[in-house]
């Protein structure tokens, strides 16, 4: 369905929903990182537990940076811009790696 002649496409609240989705994902990643560190230190600190906990924190920080960059890009553009493939791949990689690190600490 196309917009009537002479009118530009109204993105509505799409950029705001996208910004909120990035924030929610960052918050859930923070919760995973905190729980992973808590699990790593629960039965006393071990070298492997501390290493995986530190890796979880690093992955969360990288994801936070990616989310911040995406939110700034959405705010700067007059309309919603497409997510670049490198940015998307990095976000997916951080998310999957964080989940795997959290699972490794639980198992």
C-alpha atoms as a PDB file:
ATOM      1  CA  UNK A   1       0.000   0.000   0.000  1.00  0.00           C
ATOM      2  CA  UNK A   2       1.529   3.328  -0.979  1.00  0.00           C
ATOM      3  CA  UNK A   3       1.078   6.769   0.512  1.00  0.00           C
ATOM      4  CA  UNK A   4      -1.218   9.208  -1.297  1.00  0.00           C
ATOM      5  CA  UNK A   5       0.470  11.450  -3.844  1.00  0.00           C
ATOM      6  CA  UNK A   6       2.234  14.465  -2.344  1.00  0.00           C
ATOM      7  CA  UNK A   7       2.580  12.958   1.147  1.00  0.00           C
ATOM      8  CA  UNK A   8       5.701  11.496   2.654  1.00  0.00           C
ATOM      9  CA  UNK A   9       5.609   8.239   4.542  1.00  0.00           C
ATOM     10  CA  UNK A  10       4.872   8.778   8.219  1.00  0.00           C
ATOM     11  CA  UNK A  11       7.058   6.395  10.245  1.00  0.00           C
ATOM     12  CA  UNK A  12       4.794   6.839  13.258  1.00  0.00           C
ATOM     13  CA  UNK A  13       6.259   5.412  16.408  1.00  0.00           C
ATOM     14  CA  UNK A  14       8.509   2.879  14.693  1.00  0.00           C
ATOM     15  CA  UNK A  15      11.797   4.558  15.763  1.00  0.00           C
ATOM     16  CA  UNK A  16      10.522   4.835  19.338  1.00  0.00           C
ATOM     17  CA  UNK A  17       9.508   1.150  19.415  1.00  0.00           C
ATOM     18  CA  UNK A  18      12.891   0.173  18.009  1.00  0.00           C
ATOM     19  CA  UNK A  19      14.693   2.275  20.625  1.00  0.00           C
ATOM     20  CA  UNK A  20      12.660   0.679  23.395  1.00  0.00           C
ATOM     21  CA  UNK A  21      13.357  -2.798  22.004  1.00  0.00           C
ATOM     22  CA  UNK A  22      17.105  -2.117  22.103  1.00  0.00           C
ATOM     23  CA  UNK A  23      16.761  -0.884  25.698  1.00  0.00           C
ATOM     24  CA  UNK A  24      14.776  -3.981  26.743  1.00  0.00           C
ATOM     25  CA  UNK A  25      17.332  -6.287  25.174  1.00  0.00           C
ATOM     26  CA  UNK A  26      20.169  -4.418  26.883  1.00  0.00           C
ATOM     27  CA  UNK A  27      18.377  -4.715  30.218  1.00  0.00           C
ATOM     28  CA  UNK A  28      17.825  -8.453  29.798  1.00  0.00           C
ATOM     29  CA  UNK A  29      21.496  -8.864  28.811  1.00  0.00           C
ATOM     30  CA  UNK A  30      22.485  -7.012  31.975  1.00  0.00           C
ATOM     31  CA  UNK A  31      20.342  -9.379  34.037  1.00  0.00           C
ATOM     32  CA  UNK A  32      22.006 -12.396  32.400  1.00  0.00           C
ATOM     33  CA  UNK A  33      25.474 -10.955  33.079  1.00  0.00           C
ATOM     34  CA  UNK A  34      24.670 -10.240  36.734  1.00  0.00           C
ATOM     35  CA  UNK A  35      23.176 -13.695  37.266  1.00  0.00           C
ATOM     36  CA  UNK A  36      26.156 -15.288  35.533  1.00  0.00           C
ATOM     37  CA  UNK A  37      28.602 -13.499  37.829  1.00  0.00           C
ATOM     38  CA  UNK A  38      26.481 -14.402  40.852  1.00  0.00           C
ATOM     39  CA  UNK A  39      26.470 -18.047  39.781  1.00  0.00           C
ATOM     40  CA  UNK A  40      30.225 -17.988  39.167  1.00  0.00           C
ATOM     41  CA  UNK A  41      30.883 -16.711  42.680  1.00  0.00           C
ATOM     42  CA  UNK A  42      28.164 -18.694  44.492  1.00  0.00           C
ATOM     43  CA  UNK A  43      30.292 -21.667  45.540  1.00  0.00           C
ATOM     44  CA  UNK A  44      33.470 -19.693  45.913  1.00  0.00           C
ATOM     45  CA  UNK A  45      35.552 -18.072  43.223  1.00  0.00           C
ATOM     46  CA  UNK A  46      37.310 -20.336  40.752  1.00  0.00           C
ATOM     47  CA  UNK A  47      39.559 -19.327  37.887  1.00  0.00           C
ATOM     48  CA  UNK A  48      37.163 -20.633  35.230  1.00  0.00           C
ATOM     49  CA  UNK A  49      34.121 -19.104  36.926  1.00  0.00           C
ATOM     50  CA  UNK A  50      35.766 -15.703  37.174  1.00  0.00           C
ATOM     51  CA  UNK A  51      36.930 -15.897  33.544  1.00  0.00           C
ATOM     52  CA  UNK A  52      33.456 -16.763  32.251  1.00  0.00           C
ATOM     53  CA  UNK A  53      31.885 -14.118  34.498  1.00  0.00           C
ATOM     54  CA  UNK A  54      34.310 -11.500  33.187  1.00  0.00           C
ATOM     55  CA  UNK A  55      33.563 -12.601  29.618  1.00  0.00           C
ATOM     56  CA  UNK A  56      29.827 -12.172  30.313  1.00  0.00           C
ATOM     57  CA  UNK A  57      30.458  -8.637  31.555  1.00  0.00           C
ATOM     58  CA  UNK A  58      32.592  -7.841  28.510  1.00  0.00           C
ATOM     59  CA  UNK A  59      29.935  -9.180  26.126  1.00  0.00           C
ATOM     60  CA  UNK A  60      27.293  -7.118  27.897  1.00  0.00           C
ATOM     61  CA  UNK A  61      29.431  -3.982  27.593  1.00  0.00           C
ATOM     62  CA  UNK A  62      29.929  -4.576  23.856  1.00  0.00           C
ATOM     63  CA  UNK A  63      26.198  -5.136  23.382  1.00  0.00           C
ATOM     64  CA  UNK A  64      25.496  -1.957  25.350  1.00  0.00           C
ATOM     65  CA  UNK A  65      27.810  -0.040  23.021  1.00  0.00           C
ATOM     66  CA  UNK A  66      26.109  -1.514  19.942  1.00  0.00           C
ATOM     67  CA  UNK A  67      22.675  -0.629  21.306  1.00  0.00           C
ATOM     68  CA  UNK A  68      23.800   2.902  22.121  1.00  0.00           C
ATOM     69  CA  UNK A  69      25.178   3.383  18.610  1.00  0.00           C
ATOM     70  CA  UNK A  70      21.932   2.106  17.071  1.00  0.00           C
ATOM     71  CA  UNK A  71      19.782   4.344  19.266  1.00  0.00           C
ATOM     72  CA  UNK A  72      21.906   7.371  18.344  1.00  0.00           C
ATOM     73  CA  UNK A  73      21.631   6.485  14.643  1.00  0.00           C
ATOM     74  CA  UNK A  74      17.846   6.281  14.955  1.00  0.00           C
ATOM     75  CA  UNK A  75      17.709   9.644  16.706  1.00  0.00           C
ATOM     76  CA  UNK A  76      19.959  11.359  14.161  1.00  0.00           C
ATOM     77  CA  UNK A  77      18.128  10.211  11.032  1.00  0.00           C
ATOM     78  CA  UNK A  78      14.922  11.945   9.920  1.00  0.00           C
ATOM     79  CA  UNK A  79      13.419   8.541   9.160  1.00  0.00           C
ATOM     80  CA  UNK A  80      14.239   5.048  10.336  1.00  0.00           C
ATOM     81  CA  UNK A  81      17.429   3.762   8.732  1.00  0.00           C
ATOM     82  CA  UNK A  82      18.201   0.123   8.028  1.00  0.00           C
ATOM     83  CA  UNK A  83      20.392  -1.815  10.416  1.00  0.00           C
ATOM     84  CA  UNK A  84      23.711  -2.624   8.771  1.00  0.00           C
ATOM     85  CA  UNK A  85      24.741  -6.270   8.383  1.00  0.00           C
ATOM     86  CA  UNK A  86      27.939  -5.845  10.436  1.00  0.00           C
ATOM     87  CA  UNK A  87      26.024  -4.169  13.259  1.00  0.00           C
ATOM     88  CA  UNK A  88      23.346  -6.881  13.193  1.00  0.00           C
ATOM     89  CA  UNK A  89      25.916  -9.693  13.125  1.00  0.00           C
ATOM     90  CA  UNK A  90      27.804  -8.183  16.070  1.00  0.00           C
ATOM     91  CA  UNK A  91      24.599  -7.832  18.109  1.00  0.00           C
ATOM     92  CA  UNK A  92      23.566 -11.422  17.374  1.00  0.00           C
ATOM     93  CA  UNK A  93      27.059 -12.703  18.178  1.00  0.00           C
ATOM     94  CA  UNK A  94      27.097 -10.883  21.529  1.00  0.00           C
ATOM     95  CA  UNK A  95      23.621 -12.145  22.415  1.00  0.00           C
ATOM     96  CA  UNK A  96      24.359 -15.778  21.554  1.00  0.00           C
ATOM     97  CA  UNK A  97      27.783 -15.717  23.235  1.00  0.00           C
ATOM     98  CA  UNK A  98      26.288 -14.198  26.389  1.00  0.00           C
ATOM     99  CA  UNK A  99      23.602 -16.886  26.481  1.00  0.00           C
ATOM    100  CA  UNK A 100      26.214 -19.624  26.001  1.00  0.00           C
ATOM    101  CA  UNK A 101      28.423 -18.198  28.762  1.00  0.00           C
ATOM    102  CA  UNK A 102      25.450 -18.033  31.110  1.00  0.00           C
ATOM    103  CA  UNK A 103      24.515 -21.617  30.259  1.00  0.00           C
ATOM    104  CA  UNK A 104      28.116 -22.773  30.781  1.00  0.00           C
ATOM    105  CA  UNK A 105      28.066 -21.358  34.311  1.00  0.00           C
ATOM    106  CA  UNK A 106      24.787 -23.064  35.160  1.00  0.00           C
ATOM    107  CA  UNK A 107      25.834 -26.465  33.865  1.00  0.00           C
END
